Amino acid sequence: VLSGFFSGSETALTAASRGKLRAQADKGSRGATRALKITEDNERLI
């Protein structure tokens, strides 16, 4: 289950559109805001 979580998270965070995340963050989504922050450094994230 943990392995599936890590694999899915990697795909979601790298495939997610930063433009769409920004739009969601502007609407008040805290999850989208955190996602934008941690994807700023893709090398460390991956």
ModelCIF file with pLDDT and N, C-alpha, C, O atoms, coordinates in Angstrom:
data_MODEL
#
_entry.id   MODEL 
#
_entity.id                         1 
_entity.type                       polymer 
_entity.pdbx_number_of_molecules   1 
#
_entity_poly.entity_id                      1 
_entity_poly.type                           'polypeptide(L)' 
_entity_poly.nstd_linkage                   no 
_entity_poly.nstd_monomer                   no 
_entity_poly.pdbx_seq_one_letter_code       VLSGFFSGSETALTAASRGKLRAQADKGSRGATRALKITEDNERLI 
_entity_poly.pdbx_seq_one_letter_code_can   VLSGFFSGSETALTAASRGKLRAQADKGSRGATRALKITEDNERLI 
_entity_poly.pdbx_strand_id                 A 
#
loop_
_entity_poly_seq.entity_id 
_entity_poly_seq.num 
_entity_poly_seq.mon_id 
_entity_poly_seq.hetero 
1 1  VAL n 
1 2  LEU n 
1 3  SER n 
1 4  GLY n 
1 5  PHE n 
1 6  PHE n 
1 7  SER n 
1 8  GLY n 
1 9  SER n 
1 10 GLU n 
1 11 THR n 
1 12 ALA n 
1 13 LEU n 
1 14 THR n 
1 15 ALA n 
1 16 ALA n 
1 17 SER n 
1 18 ARG n 
1 19 GLY n 
1 20 LYS n 
1 21 LEU n 
1 22 ARG n 
1 23 ALA n 
1 24 GLN n 
1 25 ALA n 
1 26 ASP n 
1 27 LYS n 
1 28 GLY n 
1 29 SER n 
1 30 ARG n 
1 31 GLY n 
1 32 ALA n 
1 33 THR n 
1 34 ARG n 
1 35 ALA n 
1 36 LEU n 
1 37 LYS n 
1 38 ILE n 
1 39 THR n 
1 40 GLU n 
1 41 ASP n 
1 42 ASN n 
1 43 GLU n 
1 44 ARG n 
1 45 LEU n 
1 46 ILE n 
#
_struct_asym.id          A 
_struct_asym.entity_id   1 
#
loop_
_ma_qa_metric.id 
_ma_qa_metric.mode 
_ma_qa_metric.name 
_ma_qa_metric.software_group_id 
_ma_qa_metric.type 
1 global pLDDT . pLDDT 
2 local  pLDDT . pLDDT 
#
_ma_qa_metric_global.metric_id      1 
_ma_qa_metric_global.metric_value   89.59 
_ma_qa_metric_global.model_id       1 
_ma_qa_metric_global.ordinal_id     1 
#
loop_
_ma_qa_metric_local.label_asym_id 
_ma_qa_metric_local.label_comp_id 
_ma_qa_metric_local.label_seq_id 
_ma_qa_metric_local.metric_id 
_ma_qa_metric_local.metric_value 
_ma_qa_metric_local.model_id 
_ma_qa_metric_local.ordinal_id 
A VAL 1  2 94.00 1 1  
A LEU 2  2 94.00 1 2  
A SER 3  2 94.00 1 3  
A GLY 4  2 94.00 1 4  
A PHE 5  2 95.00 1 5  
A PHE 6  2 95.00 1 6  
A SER 7  2 94.00 1 7  
A GLY 8  2 93.00 1 8  
A SER 9  2 93.00 1 9  
A GLU 10 2 92.00 1 10 
A THR 11 2 92.00 1 11 
A ALA 12 2 93.00 1 12 
A LEU 13 2 92.00 1 13 
A THR 14 2 88.00 1 14 
A ALA 15 2 88.00 1 15 
A ALA 16 2 89.00 1 16 
A SER 17 2 84.00 1 17 
A ARG 18 2 83.00 1 18 
A GLY 19 2 82.00 1 19 
A LYS 20 2 87.00 1 20 
A LEU 21 2 89.00 1 21 
A ARG 22 2 88.00 1 22 
A ALA 23 2 89.00 1 23 
A GLN 24 2 90.00 1 24 
A ALA 25 2 90.00 1 25 
A ASP 26 2 90.00 1 26 
A LYS 27 2 89.00 1 27 
A GLY 28 2 89.00 1 28 
A SER 29 2 90.00 1 29 
A ARG 30 2 91.00 1 30 
A GLY 31 2 91.00 1 31 
A ALA 32 2 91.00 1 32 
A THR 33 2 92.00 1 33 
A ARG 34 2 92.00 1 34 
A ALA 35 2 91.00 1 35 
A LEU 36 2 90.00 1 36 
A LYS 37 2 91.00 1 37 
A ILE 38 2 90.00 1 38 
A THR 39 2 87.00 1 39 
A GLU 40 2 85.00 1 40 
A ASP 41 2 83.00 1 41 
A ASN 42 2 81.00 1 42 
A GLU 43 2 80.00 1 43 
A ARG 44 2 87.00 1 44 
A LEU 45 2 90.00 1 45 
A ILE 46 2 89.00 1 46 
#
loop_
_atom_site.group_PDB 
_atom_site.id 
_atom_site.type_symbol 
_atom_site.label_atom_id 
_atom_site.label_alt_id 
_atom_site.label_comp_id 
_atom_site.label_asym_id 
_atom_site.label_entity_id 
_atom_site.label_seq_id 
_atom_site.pdbx_PDB_ins_code 
_atom_site.Cartn_x 
_atom_site.Cartn_y 
_atom_site.Cartn_z 
_atom_site.occupancy 
_atom_site.B_iso_or_equiv 
_atom_site.pdbx_formal_charge 
_atom_site.auth_seq_id 
_atom_site.auth_comp_id 
_atom_site.auth_asym_id 
_atom_site.auth_atom_id 
_atom_site.pdbx_PDB_model_num 
ATOM 1   N N  . VAL A 1 1  ? 0.840   -1.202 0.000   1.00 94.00 ? 1  VAL A N  1 
ATOM 2   C CA . VAL A 1 1  ? 0.000   0.000  0.000   1.00 94.00 ? 1  VAL A CA 1 
ATOM 3   C C  . VAL A 1 1  ? 0.876   1.254  0.000   1.00 94.00 ? 1  VAL A C  1 
ATOM 4   O O  . VAL A 1 1  ? 0.606   2.206  -0.732  1.00 94.00 ? 1  VAL A O  1 
ATOM 5   N N  . LEU A 1 2  ? 1.935   1.248  0.833   1.00 94.00 ? 2  LEU A N  1 
ATOM 6   C CA . LEU A 1 2  ? 2.859   2.378  0.854   1.00 94.00 ? 2  LEU A CA 1 
ATOM 7   C C  . LEU A 1 2  ? 3.549   2.559  -0.495  1.00 94.00 ? 2  LEU A C  1 
ATOM 8   O O  . LEU A 1 2  ? 3.716   3.683  -0.969  1.00 94.00 ? 2  LEU A O  1 
ATOM 9   N N  . SER A 1 3  ? 3.950   1.441  -1.112  1.00 94.00 ? 3  SER A N  1 
ATOM 10  C CA . SER A 1 3  ? 4.592   1.511  -2.419  1.00 94.00 ? 3  SER A CA 1 
ATOM 11  C C  . SER A 1 3  ? 3.652   2.117  -3.463  1.00 94.00 ? 3  SER A C  1 
ATOM 12  O O  . SER A 1 3  ? 4.055   2.959  -4.266  1.00 94.00 ? 3  SER A O  1 
ATOM 13  N N  . GLY A 1 4  ? 2.390   1.672  -3.436  1.00 94.00 ? 4  GLY A N  1 
ATOM 14  C CA . GLY A 1 4  ? 1.400   2.241  -4.340  1.00 94.00 ? 4  GLY A CA 1 
ATOM 15  C C  . GLY A 1 4  ? 1.185   3.726  -4.097  1.00 94.00 ? 4  GLY A C  1 
ATOM 16  O O  . GLY A 1 4  ? 0.986   4.500  -5.033  1.00 94.00 ? 4  GLY A O  1 
ATOM 17  N N  . PHE A 1 5  ? 1.226   4.112  -2.830  1.00 95.00 ? 5  PHE A N  1 
ATOM 18  C CA . PHE A 1 5  ? 1.077   5.527  -2.483  1.00 95.00 ? 5  PHE A CA 1 
ATOM 19  C C  . PHE A 1 5  ? 2.226   6.349  -3.058  1.00 95.00 ? 5  PHE A C  1 
ATOM 20  O O  . PHE A 1 5  ? 1.996   7.400  -3.658  1.00 95.00 ? 5  PHE A O  1 
ATOM 21  N N  . PHE A 1 6  ? 3.461   5.878  -2.879  1.00 95.00 ? 6  PHE A N  1 
ATOM 22  C CA . PHE A 1 6  ? 4.618   6.599  -3.401  1.00 95.00 ? 6  PHE A CA 1 
ATOM 23  C C  . PHE A 1 6  ? 4.589   6.670  -4.931  1.00 95.00 ? 6  PHE A C  1 
ATOM 24  O O  . PHE A 1 6  ? 4.869   7.717  -5.514  1.00 95.00 ? 6  PHE A O  1 
ATOM 25  N N  . SER A 1 7  ? 4.249   5.552  -5.575  1.00 94.00 ? 7  SER A N  1 
ATOM 26  C CA . SER A 1 7  ? 4.207   5.532  -7.034  1.00 94.00 ? 7  SER A CA 1 
ATOM 27  C C  . SER A 1 7  ? 3.136   6.473  -7.572  1.00 94.00 ? 7  SER A C  1 
ATOM 28  O O  . SER A 1 7  ? 3.381   7.250  -8.495  1.00 94.00 ? 7  SER A O  1 
ATOM 29  N N  . GLY A 1 8  ? 1.948   6.394  -6.984  1.00 93.00 ? 8  GLY A N  1 
ATOM 30  C CA . GLY A 1 8  ? 0.873   7.276  -7.424  1.00 93.00 ? 8  GLY A CA 1 
ATOM 31  C C  . GLY A 1 8  ? 1.164   8.739  -7.157  1.00 93.00 ? 8  GLY A C  1 
ATOM 32  O O  . GLY A 1 8  ? 0.827   9.598  -7.970  1.00 93.00 ? 8  GLY A O  1 
ATOM 33  N N  . SER A 1 9  ? 1.789   9.031  -6.023  1.00 93.00 ? 9  SER A N  1 
ATOM 34  C CA . SER A 1 9  ? 2.130   10.403 -5.678  1.00 93.00 ? 9  SER A CA 1 
ATOM 35  C C  . SER A 1 9  ? 3.147   10.985 -6.653  1.00 93.00 ? 9  SER A C  1 
ATOM 36  O O  . SER A 1 9  ? 3.029   12.132 -7.084  1.00 93.00 ? 9  SER A O  1 
ATOM 37  N N  . GLU A 1 10 ? 4.142   10.180 -6.990  1.00 92.00 ? 10 GLU A N  1 
ATOM 38  C CA . GLU A 1 10 ? 5.143   10.643 -7.948  1.00 92.00 ? 10 GLU A CA 1 
ATOM 39  C C  . GLU A 1 10 ? 4.501   11.001 -9.283  1.00 92.00 ? 10 GLU A C  1 
ATOM 40  O O  . GLU A 1 10 ? 4.791   12.051 -9.856  1.00 92.00 ? 10 GLU A O  1 
ATOM 41  N N  . THR A 1 11 ? 3.628   10.125 -9.775  1.00 92.00 ? 11 THR A N  1 
ATOM 42  C CA . THR A 1 11 ? 2.965   10.378 -11.054 1.00 92.00 ? 11 THR A CA 1 
ATOM 43  C C  . THR A 1 11 ? 2.049   11.584 -10.974 1.00 92.00 ? 11 THR A C  1 
ATOM 44  O O  . THR A 1 11 ? 2.043   12.418 -11.880 1.00 92.00 ? 11 THR A O  1 
ATOM 45  N N  . ALA A 1 12 ? 1.276   11.690 -9.904  1.00 93.00 ? 12 ALA A N  1 
ATOM 46  C CA . ALA A 1 12 ? 0.329   12.799 -9.768  1.00 93.00 ? 12 ALA A CA 1 
ATOM 47  C C  . ALA A 1 12 ? 1.047   14.142 -9.701  1.00 93.00 ? 12 ALA A C  1 
ATOM 48  O O  . ALA A 1 12 ? 0.640   15.093 -10.369 1.00 93.00 ? 12 ALA A O  1 
ATOM 49  N N  . LEU A 1 13 ? 2.102   14.232 -8.910  1.00 92.00 ? 13 LEU A N  1 
ATOM 50  C CA . LEU A 1 13 ? 2.790   15.502 -8.707  1.00 92.00 ? 13 LEU A CA 1 
ATOM 51  C C  . LEU A 1 13 ? 3.599   15.924 -9.926  1.00 92.00 ? 13 LEU A C  1 
ATOM 52  O O  . LEU A 1 13 ? 3.769   17.119 -10.166 1.00 92.00 ? 13 LEU A O  1 
ATOM 53  N N  . THR A 1 14 ? 4.097   14.971 -10.693 1.00 88.00 ? 14 THR A N  1 
ATOM 54  C CA . THR A 1 14 ? 4.857   15.317 -11.891 1.00 88.00 ? 14 THR A CA 1 
ATOM 55  C C  . THR A 1 14 ? 3.966   15.541 -13.098 1.00 88.00 ? 14 THR A C  1 
ATOM 56  O O  . THR A 1 14 ? 4.323   16.300 -13.999 1.00 88.00 ? 14 THR A O  1 
ATOM 57  N N  . ALA A 1 15 ? 2.807   14.889 -13.130 1.00 88.00 ? 15 ALA A N  1 
ATOM 58  C CA . ALA A 1 15 ? 1.908   15.031 -14.272 1.00 88.00 ? 15 ALA A CA 1 
ATOM 59  C C  . ALA A 1 15 ? 0.912   16.165 -14.107 1.00 88.00 ? 15 ALA A C  1 
ATOM 60  O O  . ALA A 1 15 ? 0.336   16.625 -15.093 1.00 88.00 ? 15 ALA A O  1 
ATOM 61  N N  . ALA A 1 16 ? 0.699   16.622 -12.892 1.00 89.00 ? 16 ALA A N  1 
ATOM 62  C CA . ALA A 1 16 ? -0.284  17.677 -12.644 1.00 89.00 ? 16 ALA A CA 1 
ATOM 63  C C  . ALA A 1 16 ? 0.132   18.977 -13.316 1.00 89.00 ? 16 ALA A C  1 
ATOM 64  O O  . ALA A 1 16 ? 1.303   19.355 -13.288 1.00 89.00 ? 16 ALA A O  1 
ATOM 65  N N  . SER A 1 17 ? -0.819  19.645 -13.907 1.00 84.00 ? 17 SER A N  1 
ATOM 66  C CA . SER A 1 17 ? -0.581  20.938 -14.540 1.00 84.00 ? 17 SER A CA 1 
ATOM 67  C C  . SER A 1 17 ? -0.441  22.020 -13.474 1.00 84.00 ? 17 SER A C  1 
ATOM 68  O O  . SER A 1 17 ? -1.330  22.205 -12.643 1.00 84.00 ? 17 SER A O  1 
ATOM 69  N N  . ARG A 1 18 ? 0.688   22.731 -13.508 1.00 83.00 ? 18 ARG A N  1 
ATOM 70  C CA . ARG A 1 18 ? 0.893   23.798 -12.539 1.00 83.00 ? 18 ARG A CA 1 
ATOM 71  C C  . ARG A 1 18 ? -0.114  24.932 -12.747 1.00 83.00 ? 18 ARG A C  1 
ATOM 72  O O  . ARG A 1 18 ? -0.480  25.635 -11.805 1.00 83.00 ? 18 ARG A O  1 
ATOM 73  N N  . GLY A 1 19 ? -0.553  25.095 -13.994 1.00 82.00 ? 19 GLY A N  1 
ATOM 74  C CA . GLY A 1 19 ? -1.560  26.106 -14.253 1.00 82.00 ? 19 GLY A CA 1 
ATOM 75  C C  . GLY A 1 19 ? -2.883  25.786 -13.575 1.00 82.00 ? 19 GLY A C  1 
ATOM 76  O O  . GLY A 1 19 ? -3.512  26.663 -12.984 1.00 82.00 ? 19 GLY A O  1 
ATOM 77  N N  . LYS A 1 20 ? -3.307  24.515 -13.662 1.00 87.00 ? 20 LYS A N  1 
ATOM 78  C CA . LYS A 1 20 ? -4.548  24.103 -13.015 1.00 87.00 ? 20 LYS A CA 1 
ATOM 79  C C  . LYS A 1 20 ? -4.414  24.135 -11.497 1.00 87.00 ? 20 LYS A C  1 
ATOM 80  O O  . LYS A 1 20 ? -5.348  24.517 -10.792 1.00 87.00 ? 20 LYS A O  1 
ATOM 81  N N  . LEU A 1 21 ? -3.241  23.729 -10.995 1.00 89.00 ? 21 LEU A N  1 
ATOM 82  C CA . LEU A 1 21 ? -3.019  23.796 -9.554  1.00 89.00 ? 21 LEU A CA 1 
ATOM 83  C C  . LEU A 1 21 ? -3.062  25.243 -9.064  1.00 89.00 ? 21 LEU A C  1 
ATOM 84  O O  . LEU A 1 21 ? -3.609  25.527 -7.998  1.00 89.00 ? 21 LEU A O  1 
ATOM 85  N N  . ARG A 1 22 ? -2.485  26.154 -9.844  1.00 88.00 ? 22 ARG A N  1 
ATOM 86  C CA . ARG A 1 22 ? -2.514  27.563 -9.478  1.00 88.00 ? 22 ARG A CA 1 
ATOM 87  C C  . ARG A 1 22 ? -3.947  28.085 -9.436  1.00 88.00 ? 22 ARG A C  1 
ATOM 88  O O  . ARG A 1 22 ? -4.312  28.851 -8.544  1.00 88.00 ? 22 ARG A O  1 
ATOM 89  N N  . ALA A 1 23 ? -4.763  27.660 -10.417 1.00 89.00 ? 23 ALA A N  1 
ATOM 90  C CA . ALA A 1 23 ? -6.166  28.083 -10.434 1.00 89.00 ? 23 ALA A CA 1 
ATOM 91  C C  . ALA A 1 23 ? -6.910  27.565 -9.200  1.00 89.00 ? 23 ALA A C  1 
ATOM 92  O O  . ALA A 1 23 ? -7.710  28.286 -8.606  1.00 89.00 ? 23 ALA A O  1 
ATOM 93  N N  . GLN A 1 24 ? -6.641  26.312 -8.819  1.00 90.00 ? 24 GLN A N  1 
ATOM 94  C CA . GLN A 1 24 ? -7.276  25.755 -7.627  1.00 90.00 ? 24 GLN A CA 1 
ATOM 95  C C  . GLN A 1 24 ? -6.781  26.446 -6.365  1.00 90.00 ? 24 GLN A C  1 
ATOM 96  O O  . GLN A 1 24 ? -7.551  26.692 -5.437  1.00 90.00 ? 24 GLN A O  1 
ATOM 97  N N  . ALA A 1 25 ? -5.480  26.760 -6.337  1.00 90.00 ? 25 ALA A N  1 
ATOM 98  C CA . ALA A 1 25 ? -4.919  27.452 -5.177  1.00 90.00 ? 25 ALA A CA 1 
ATOM 99  C C  . ALA A 1 25 ? -5.533  28.842 -5.016  1.00 90.00 ? 25 ALA A C  1 
ATOM 100 O O  . ALA A 1 25 ? -5.798  29.284 -3.898  1.00 90.00 ? 25 ALA A O  1 
ATOM 101 N N  . ASP A 1 26 ? -5.757  29.526 -6.134  1.00 90.00 ? 26 ASP A N  1 
ATOM 102 C CA . ASP A 1 26 ? -6.375  30.849 -6.087  1.00 90.00 ? 26 ASP A CA 1 
ATOM 103 C C  . ASP A 1 26 ? -7.812  30.783 -5.568  1.00 90.00 ? 26 ASP A C  1 
ATOM 104 O O  . ASP A 1 26 ? -8.334  31.763 -5.037  1.00 90.00 ? 26 ASP A O  1 
ATOM 105 N N  . LYS A 1 27 ? -8.437  29.629 -5.726  1.00 89.00 ? 27 LYS A N  1 
ATOM 106 C CA . LYS A 1 27 ? -9.793  29.450 -5.228  1.00 89.00 ? 27 LYS A CA 1 
ATOM 107 C C  . LYS A 1 27 ? -9.828  29.018 -3.759  1.00 89.00 ? 27 LYS A C  1 
ATOM 108 O O  . LYS A 1 27 ? -10.904 28.838 -3.190  1.00 89.00 ? 27 LYS A O  1 
ATOM 109 N N  . GLY A 1 28 ? -8.646  28.852 -3.144  1.00 89.00 ? 28 GLY A N  1 
ATOM 110 C CA . GLY A 1 28 ? -8.588  28.531 -1.728  1.00 89.00 ? 28 GLY A CA 1 
ATOM 111 C C  . GLY A 1 28 ? -8.197  27.116 -1.390  1.00 89.00 ? 28 GLY A C  1 
ATOM 112 O O  . GLY A 1 28 ? -8.259  26.734 -0.222  1.00 89.00 ? 28 GLY A O  1 
ATOM 113 N N  . SER A 1 29 ? -7.790  26.306 -2.380  1.00 90.00 ? 29 SER A N  1 
ATOM 114 C CA . SER A 1 29 ? -7.415  24.923 -2.121  1.00 90.00 ? 29 SER A CA 1 
ATOM 115 C C  . SER A 1 29 ? -6.035  24.868 -1.462  1.00 90.00 ? 29 SER A C  1 
ATOM 116 O O  . SER A 1 29 ? -5.036  25.218 -2.090  1.00 90.00 ? 29 SER A O  1 
ATOM 117 N N  . ARG A 1 30 ? -5.974  24.433 -0.201  1.00 91.00 ? 30 ARG A N  1 
ATOM 118 C CA . ARG A 1 30 ? -4.694  24.325 0.500   1.00 91.00 ? 30 ARG A CA 1 
ATOM 119 C C  . ARG A 1 30 ? -3.844  23.200 -0.067  1.00 91.00 ? 30 ARG A C  1 
ATOM 120 O O  . ARG A 1 30 ? -2.620  23.310 -0.144  1.00 91.00 ? 30 ARG A O  1 
ATOM 121 N N  . GLY A 1 31 ? -4.512  22.099 -0.469  1.00 91.00 ? 31 GLY A N  1 
ATOM 122 C CA . GLY A 1 31 ? -3.773  20.986 -1.055  1.00 91.00 ? 31 GLY A CA 1 
ATOM 123 C C  . GLY A 1 31 ? -3.061  21.397 -2.327  1.00 91.00 ? 31 GLY A C  1 
ATOM 124 O O  . GLY A 1 31 ? -1.905  21.028 -2.536  1.00 91.00 ? 31 GLY A O  1 
ATOM 125 N N  . ALA A 1 32 ? -3.736  22.161 -3.184  1.00 91.00 ? 32 ALA A N  1 
ATOM 126 C CA . ALA A 1 32 ? -3.111  22.644 -4.413  1.00 91.00 ? 32 ALA A CA 1 
ATOM 127 C C  . ALA A 1 32 ? -1.954  23.581 -4.110  1.00 91.00 ? 32 ALA A C  1 
ATOM 128 O O  . ALA A 1 32 ? -0.936  23.560 -4.802  1.00 91.00 ? 32 ALA A O  1 
ATOM 129 N N  . THR A 1 33 ? -2.107  24.410 -3.070  1.00 92.00 ? 33 THR A N  1 
ATOM 130 C CA . THR A 1 33 ? -1.029  25.320 -2.670  1.00 92.00 ? 33 THR A CA 1 
ATOM 131 C C  . THR A 1 33 ? 0.204   24.540 -2.234  1.00 92.00 ? 33 THR A C  1 
ATOM 132 O O  . THR A 1 33 ? 1.324   24.860 -2.632  1.00 92.00 ? 33 THR A O  1 
ATOM 133 N N  . ARG A 1 34 ? -0.012  23.496 -1.400  1.00 92.00 ? 34 ARG A N  1 
ATOM 134 C CA . ARG A 1 34 ? 1.118   22.659 -0.963  1.00 92.00 ? 34 ARG A CA 1 
ATOM 135 C C  . ARG A 1 34 ? 1.742   21.929 -2.146  1.00 92.00 ? 34 ARG A C  1 
ATOM 136 O O  . ARG A 1 34 ? 2.965   21.809 -2.226  1.00 92.00 ? 34 ARG A O  1 
ATOM 137 N N  . ALA A 1 35 ? 0.909   21.439 -3.068  1.00 91.00 ? 35 ALA A N  1 
ATOM 138 C CA . ALA A 1 35 ? 1.420   20.735 -4.239  1.00 91.00 ? 35 ALA A CA 1 
ATOM 139 C C  . ALA A 1 35 ? 2.302   21.648 -5.080  1.00 91.00 ? 35 ALA A C  1 
ATOM 140 O O  . ALA A 1 35 ? 3.348   21.222 -5.569  1.00 91.00 ? 35 ALA A O  1 
ATOM 141 N N  . LEU A 1 36 ? 1.887   22.905 -5.254  1.00 90.00 ? 36 LEU A N  1 
ATOM 142 C CA . LEU A 1 36 ? 2.696   23.865 -6.003  1.00 90.00 ? 36 LEU A CA 1 
ATOM 143 C C  . LEU A 1 36 ? 4.036   24.106 -5.319  1.00 90.00 ? 36 LEU A C  1 
ATOM 144 O O  . LEU A 1 36 ? 5.070   24.222 -5.978  1.00 90.00 ? 36 LEU A O  1 
ATOM 145 N N  . LYS A 1 37 ? 4.008   24.180 -3.999  1.00 91.00 ? 37 LYS A N  1 
ATOM 146 C CA . LYS A 1 37 ? 5.232   24.460 -3.253  1.00 91.00 ? 37 LYS A CA 1 
ATOM 147 C C  . LYS A 1 37 ? 6.239   23.320 -3.354  1.00 91.00 ? 37 LYS A C  1 
ATOM 148 O O  . LYS A 1 37 ? 7.428   23.558 -3.567  1.00 91.00 ? 37 LYS A O  1 
ATOM 149 N N  . ILE A 1 38 ? 5.768   22.077 -3.201  1.00 90.00 ? 38 ILE A N  1 
ATOM 150 C CA . ILE A 1 38 ? 6.703   20.950 -3.207  1.00 90.00 ? 38 ILE A CA 1 
ATOM 151 C C  . ILE A 1 38 ? 7.167   20.598 -4.607  1.00 90.00 ? 38 ILE A C  1 
ATOM 152 O O  . ILE A 1 38 ? 8.193   19.935 -4.758  1.00 90.00 ? 38 ILE A O  1 
ATOM 153 N N  . THR A 1 39 ? 6.439   21.023 -5.648  1.00 87.00 ? 39 THR A N  1 
ATOM 154 C CA . THR A 1 39 ? 6.874   20.756 -7.016  1.00 87.00 ? 39 THR A CA 1 
ATOM 155 C C  . THR A 1 39 ? 7.812   21.826 -7.555  1.00 87.00 ? 39 THR A C  1 
ATOM 156 O O  . THR A 1 39 ? 8.276   21.720 -8.691  1.00 87.00 ? 39 THR A O  1 
ATOM 157 N N  . GLU A 1 40 ? 8.100   22.848 -6.768  1.00 85.00 ? 40 GLU A N  1 
ATOM 158 C CA . GLU A 1 40 ? 9.054   23.863 -7.198  1.00 85.00 ? 40 GLU A CA 1 
ATOM 159 C C  . GLU A 1 40 ? 10.450  23.287 -7.355  1.00 85.00 ? 40 GLU A C  1 
ATOM 160 O O  . GLU A 1 40 ? 11.219  23.727 -8.209  1.00 85.00 ? 40 GLU A O  1 
ATOM 161 N N  . ASP A 1 41 ? 10.777  22.295 -6.523  1.00 83.00 ? 41 ASP A N  1 
ATOM 162 C CA . ASP A 1 41 ? 12.067  21.605 -6.620  1.00 83.00 ? 41 ASP A CA 1 
ATOM 163 C C  . ASP A 1 41 ? 11.787  20.153 -6.976  1.00 83.00 ? 41 ASP A C  1 
ATOM 164 O O  . ASP A 1 41 ? 11.703  19.296 -6.096  1.00 83.00 ? 41 ASP A O  1 
ATOM 165 N N  . ASN A 1 42 ? 11.641  19.876 -8.274  1.00 81.00 ? 42 ASN A N  1 
ATOM 166 C CA . ASN A 1 42 ? 11.299  18.528 -8.716  1.00 81.00 ? 42 ASN A CA 1 
ATOM 167 C C  . ASN A 1 42 ? 12.381  17.511 -8.375  1.00 81.00 ? 42 ASN A C  1 
ATOM 168 O O  . ASN A 1 42 ? 12.089  16.348 -8.097  1.00 81.00 ? 42 ASN A O  1 
ATOM 169 N N  . GLU A 1 43 ? 13.625  17.960 -8.401  1.00 80.00 ? 43 GLU A N  1 
ATOM 170 C CA . GLU A 1 43 ? 14.724  17.042 -8.126  1.00 80.00 ? 43 GLU A CA 1 
ATOM 171 C C  . GLU A 1 43 ? 14.638  16.501 -6.696  1.00 80.00 ? 43 GLU A C  1 
ATOM 172 O O  . GLU A 1 43 ? 14.803  15.302 -6.474  1.00 80.00 ? 43 GLU A O  1 
ATOM 173 N N  . ARG A 1 44 ? 14.382  17.379 -5.738  1.00 87.00 ? 44 ARG A N  1 
ATOM 174 C CA . ARG A 1 44 ? 14.260  16.944 -4.357  1.00 87.00 ? 44 ARG A CA 1 
ATOM 175 C C  . ARG A 1 44 ? 13.006  16.107 -4.156  1.00 87.00 ? 44 ARG A C  1 
ATOM 176 O O  . ARG A 1 44 ? 13.027  15.122 -3.418  1.00 87.00 ? 44 ARG A O  1 
ATOM 177 N N  . LEU A 1 45 ? 11.915  16.493 -4.808  1.00 90.00 ? 45 LEU A N  1 
ATOM 178 C CA . LEU A 1 45 ? 10.661  15.750 -4.698  1.00 90.00 ? 45 LEU A CA 1 
ATOM 179 C C  . LEU A 1 45 ? 10.821  14.325 -5.208  1.00 90.00 ? 45 LEU A C  1 
ATOM 180 O O  . LEU A 1 45 ? 10.484  13.367 -4.512  1.00 90.00 ? 45 LEU A O  1 
ATOM 181 N N  . ILE A 1 46 ? 11.333  14.191 -6.415  1.00 89.00 ? 46 ILE A N  1 
ATOM 182 C CA . ILE A 1 46 ? 11.488  12.853 -6.999  1.00 89.00 ? 46 ILE A CA 1 
ATOM 183 C C  . ILE A 1 46 ? 12.465  12.013 -6.195  1.00 89.00 ? 46 ILE A C  1 
ATOM 184 O O  . ILE A 1 46 ? 12.718  10.859 -6.541  1.00 89.00 ? 46 ILE A O  1 
#
